[in-house]
Amino acid sequence: MIEKWNIKGELILNCSCDVFCPCVISLGFHPPTEGKCQGWLGINIEQGHYGDTNLSGLNVGMFLEIPGNMSRGDWKVGLYLDERADEAASAALTLIMSGQAKGTTGLFKVLVSEILAIKKVPIEFRREGKKRFFSIPKLIEGAIEPVPGKDPAKDQVITNSQYWMGPDITVSRALKGRVRDFGRAWDFDGRSAELCAIDWSGPERS
């Protein structure tokens, strides 16, 4: 039986696209700028639960490899779970991030064709002003910051979108985007990135 769940926090994503990734506005129907999508994402769960299982304070990561348009599926992913998560929290995060818990992330069950591995690892998610840093030692080293607008005091934000992550996406660029896992060696410095406040829930999507 699927429990009610909710996670609130912040998500950052860095991919192989030129700034800015066309998937946000097109909802994955426009091809990635390089023809395929390679990337990673990191989540800091500020508040979260799955049933009675507390998920607050935990971090999650994902490795992403998509052969073409995001909406066509055939995604290969790797899941990274915070090593601080106990057995119940690890099981809950696996259900949520694999789409089995339905709701906001239920689309993963349709789009993901292969989960390469699920790994419990040390994950750091850090904020310094507008910059965000994400680290899984020896596997992912990422840093992103918003792309400056005409008024440097205001971020460039795509608002009121129908994007699955959330309606408001801050246009960002990777200061560092290094992935070394699953036999891949990717470097996405200077490539497209996204910053988004998340409020995900299930099993019914709000």
Protein backbone atom coordinates (compact mmCIF):
# COMPACT_ATOMS: atom_id res chain seq x y z
CA MET A 1 0.00 0.00 0.00
CA ILE A 2 1.42 3.40 -0.99
CA GLU A 3 1.61 5.89 1.88
CA LYS A 4 0.90 9.58 1.58
CA TRP A 5 4.12 11.50 1.10
CA ASN A 6 5.43 15.01 0.65
CA ILE A 7 8.86 16.54 0.21
CA LYS A 8 9.63 20.26 0.23
CA GLY A 9 13.01 21.75 -0.44
CA GLU A 10 15.27 22.72 -3.28
CA LEU A 11 16.42 21.02 -6.45
CA ILE A 12 19.36 21.83 -8.69
CA LEU A 13 20.02 20.27 -12.08
CA ASN A 14 22.91 20.50 -14.55
CA CYS A 15 22.79 19.01 -18.04
CA SER A 16 24.68 18.92 -21.32
CA CYS A 17 22.45 21.54 -22.98
CA ASP A 18 23.55 25.04 -23.89
CA VAL A 19 22.07 27.69 -21.61
CA PHE A 20 19.10 27.45 -21.38
CA CYS A 21 17.70 23.90 -21.60
CA PRO A 22 14.63 23.87 -23.89
CA CYS A 23 12.91 21.07 -21.96
CA VAL A 24 11.47 23.44 -19.34
CA ILE A 25 9.23 25.39 -21.71
CA SER A 26 8.57 22.56 -24.19
CA LEU A 27 7.91 20.03 -21.40
CA GLY A 28 10.44 17.69 -22.98
CA PHE A 29 9.02 17.78 -26.51
CA HIS A 30 11.85 19.94 -27.90
CA PRO A 31 15.12 18.06 -28.50
CA PRO A 32 18.03 18.79 -26.15
CA THR A 33 20.49 21.25 -27.71
CA GLU A 34 23.06 18.46 -28.12
CA GLY A 35 20.52 15.94 -29.42
CA LYS A 36 20.64 13.89 -26.23
CA CYS A 37 20.50 14.71 -22.55
CA GLN A 38 23.17 13.87 -20.02
CA GLY A 39 23.06 15.31 -16.57
CA TRP A 40 22.64 15.09 -12.83
CA LEU A 41 20.33 16.53 -10.22
CA GLY A 42 20.53 17.07 -6.50
CA ILE A 43 17.78 17.59 -3.94
CA ASN A 44 17.90 18.97 -0.42
CA ILE A 45 14.77 17.89 1.47
CA GLU A 46 14.05 20.61 4.01
CA GLN A 47 10.80 19.00 5.16
CA GLY A 48 9.55 15.59 4.11
CA HIS A 49 7.78 12.40 5.09
CA TYR A 50 6.56 9.13 3.65
CA GLY A 51 3.73 8.01 5.89
CA ASP A 52 5.26 8.18 9.37
CA THR A 53 8.82 8.02 8.06
CA ASN A 54 10.68 11.31 8.46
CA LEU A 55 12.72 12.43 5.43
CA SER A 56 13.56 15.97 6.60
CA GLY A 57 17.18 17.03 6.27
CA LEU A 58 18.18 14.31 3.82
CA ASN A 59 19.75 14.77 0.39
CA VAL A 60 19.14 12.81 -2.81
CA GLY A 61 20.91 12.72 -6.16
CA MET A 62 20.24 11.32 -9.61
CA PHE A 63 22.37 10.48 -12.64
CA LEU A 64 20.50 11.06 -15.92
CA GLU A 65 21.13 9.77 -19.44
CA ILE A 66 18.39 10.31 -22.03
CA PRO A 67 18.90 9.42 -25.73
CA GLY A 68 16.66 12.14 -27.22
CA ASN A 69 13.58 14.14 -26.30
CA MET A 70 12.85 13.78 -22.59
CA SER A 71 9.17 13.10 -23.24
CA ARG A 72 9.96 9.99 -25.30
CA GLY A 73 11.41 8.16 -22.33
CA ASP A 74 14.08 5.45 -22.38
CA TRP A 75 15.88 7.21 -19.53
CA LYS A 76 18.77 5.51 -17.78
CA VAL A 77 19.20 6.74 -14.22
CA GLY A 78 21.25 6.12 -11.15
CA LEU A 79 19.85 6.94 -7.71
CA TYR A 80 22.01 8.30 -4.92
CA LEU A 81 20.55 8.09 -1.42
CA ASP A 82 21.91 9.95 1.59
CA GLU A 83 24.05 7.61 3.70
CA ARG A 84 22.40 9.14 6.78
CA ALA A 85 19.02 7.68 5.79
CA ASP A 86 17.91 4.69 7.86
CA GLU A 87 16.38 1.60 6.31
CA ALA A 88 12.82 2.99 6.30
CA ALA A 89 13.88 6.36 4.83
CA SER A 90 16.01 4.67 2.16
CA ALA A 91 13.09 2.48 1.14
CA ALA A 92 10.77 5.51 1.03
CA LEU A 93 13.17 7.60 -1.06
CA THR A 94 13.62 4.70 -3.47
CA LEU A 95 9.85 4.44 -3.94
CA ILE A 96 9.52 8.19 -4.47
CA MET A 97 12.48 8.64 -6.83
CA SER A 98 11.66 5.55 -8.91
CA GLY A 99 8.07 6.69 -9.44
CA GLN A 100 6.55 3.78 -7.57
CA ALA A 101 5.07 6.12 -4.94
CA LYS A 102 3.10 7.85 -7.71
CA GLY A 103 2.20 11.52 -7.40
CA THR A 104 4.64 14.16 -8.65
CA THR A 105 7.42 11.70 -9.49
CA GLY A 106 5.09 9.04 -10.90
CA LEU A 107 6.23 9.99 -14.40
CA PHE A 108 9.60 8.34 -13.65
CA LYS A 109 7.90 4.95 -13.73
CA VAL A 110 6.87 5.65 -17.33
CA LEU A 111 9.97 7.46 -18.59
CA VAL A 112 12.76 5.46 -16.91
CA SER A 113 13.66 2.26 -18.75
CA GLU A 114 16.61 1.28 -16.55
CA ILE A 115 17.80 2.07 -13.05
CA LEU A 116 21.53 1.46 -13.28
CA ALA A 117 22.05 1.27 -9.52
CA ILE A 118 20.86 2.60 -6.19
CA LYS A 119 23.76 3.74 -4.03
CA LYS A 120 23.93 4.98 -0.45
CA VAL A 121 26.62 7.63 -0.40
CA PRO A 122 27.71 10.75 1.47
CA ILE A 123 25.95 13.71 -0.18
CA GLU A 124 26.62 17.39 0.48
CA PHE A 125 24.17 20.10 -0.61
CA ARG A 126 25.47 23.55 0.27
CA ARG A 127 24.35 27.17 -0.26
CA GLU A 128 26.61 30.19 -0.51
CA GLY A 129 24.56 33.25 -1.40
CA LYS A 130 22.98 32.52 -4.78
CA LYS A 131 25.39 29.67 -5.52
CA ARG A 132 24.55 26.03 -4.86
CA PHE A 133 27.07 23.24 -4.39
CA PHE A 134 26.42 19.50 -4.68
CA SER A 135 28.98 16.81 -3.98
CA ILE A 136 29.17 13.02 -3.92
CA PRO A 137 32.87 12.26 -3.41
CA LYS A 138 34.56 10.74 -6.48
CA LEU A 139 31.24 10.62 -8.37
CA ILE A 140 29.69 14.09 -8.79
CA GLU A 141 31.07 17.56 -8.13
CA GLY A 142 28.64 20.32 -9.05
CA ALA A 143 28.26 24.05 -8.53
CA ILE A 144 25.67 26.31 -10.14
CA GLU A 145 24.64 29.96 -10.00
CA PRO A 146 21.80 31.99 -11.56
CA VAL A 147 22.49 33.74 -14.86
CA PRO A 148 22.56 37.52 -14.18
CA GLY A 149 19.75 39.63 -15.62
CA LYS A 150 19.64 43.32 -16.48
CA ASP A 151 18.95 44.01 -12.82
CA PRO A 152 21.62 41.92 -11.07
CA ALA A 153 19.61 41.99 -7.86
CA LYS A 154 16.87 39.90 -9.53
CA ASP A 155 17.24 36.37 -10.88
CA GLN A 156 15.94 35.39 -14.31
CA VAL A 157 13.01 33.13 -13.48
CA ILE A 158 10.64 31.22 -15.73
CA THR A 159 7.35 31.52 -13.87
CA ASN A 160 4.00 29.77 -14.04
CA SER A 161 5.39 26.88 -16.11
CA GLN A 162 3.89 23.40 -16.28
CA TYR A 163 7.30 21.80 -15.77
CA TRP A 164 7.18 18.70 -13.60
CA MET A 165 9.75 19.99 -11.10
CA GLY A 166 7.81 23.11 -10.23
CA PRO A 167 6.24 26.20 -11.81
CA ASP A 168 9.14 28.60 -11.16
CA ILE A 169 12.59 27.74 -12.52
CA THR A 170 15.63 29.97 -12.01
CA VAL A 171 17.77 30.11 -15.17
CA SER A 172 21.27 29.07 -14.12
CA ARG A 173 24.68 28.01 -15.38
CA ALA A 174 27.10 25.41 -14.04
CA LEU A 175 30.32 26.68 -12.52
CA LYS A 176 31.32 23.04 -12.24
CA GLY A 177 29.57 19.90 -13.47
CA ARG A 178 31.72 16.80 -13.18
CA VAL A 179 30.30 13.26 -13.32
CA ARG A 180 32.42 10.12 -13.01
CA ASP A 181 30.18 7.09 -12.66
CA PHE A 182 28.71 4.14 -14.54
CA GLY A 183 31.66 4.21 -16.95
CA ARG A 184 30.86 7.79 -17.99
CA ALA A 185 33.14 10.80 -17.67
CA TRP A 186 31.20 14.02 -18.24
CA ASP A 187 32.16 17.66 -17.74
CA PHE A 188 29.39 20.24 -17.96
CA ASP A 189 31.17 23.40 -16.80
CA GLY A 190 29.40 26.42 -18.29
CA ARG A 191 26.42 24.37 -19.44
CA SER A 192 22.75 24.76 -18.58
CA ALA A 193 21.53 24.48 -15.01
CA GLU A 194 18.28 24.93 -13.12
CA LEU A 195 17.35 25.91 -9.60
CA CYS A 196 13.86 25.20 -8.30
CA ALA A 197 11.92 25.15 -5.05
CA ILE A 198 10.01 21.87 -4.90
CA ASP A 199 6.80 20.81 -3.19
CA TRP A 200 6.17 17.23 -4.33
CA SER A 201 3.53 14.86 -3.03
CA GLY A 202 1.72 11.61 -3.64
CA PRO A 203 0.17 9.22 -4.28
CA GLU A 204 -2.28 11.69 -5.81
CA ARG A 205 -0.75 14.74 -7.41
CA SER A 206 -1.95 18.05 -5.97
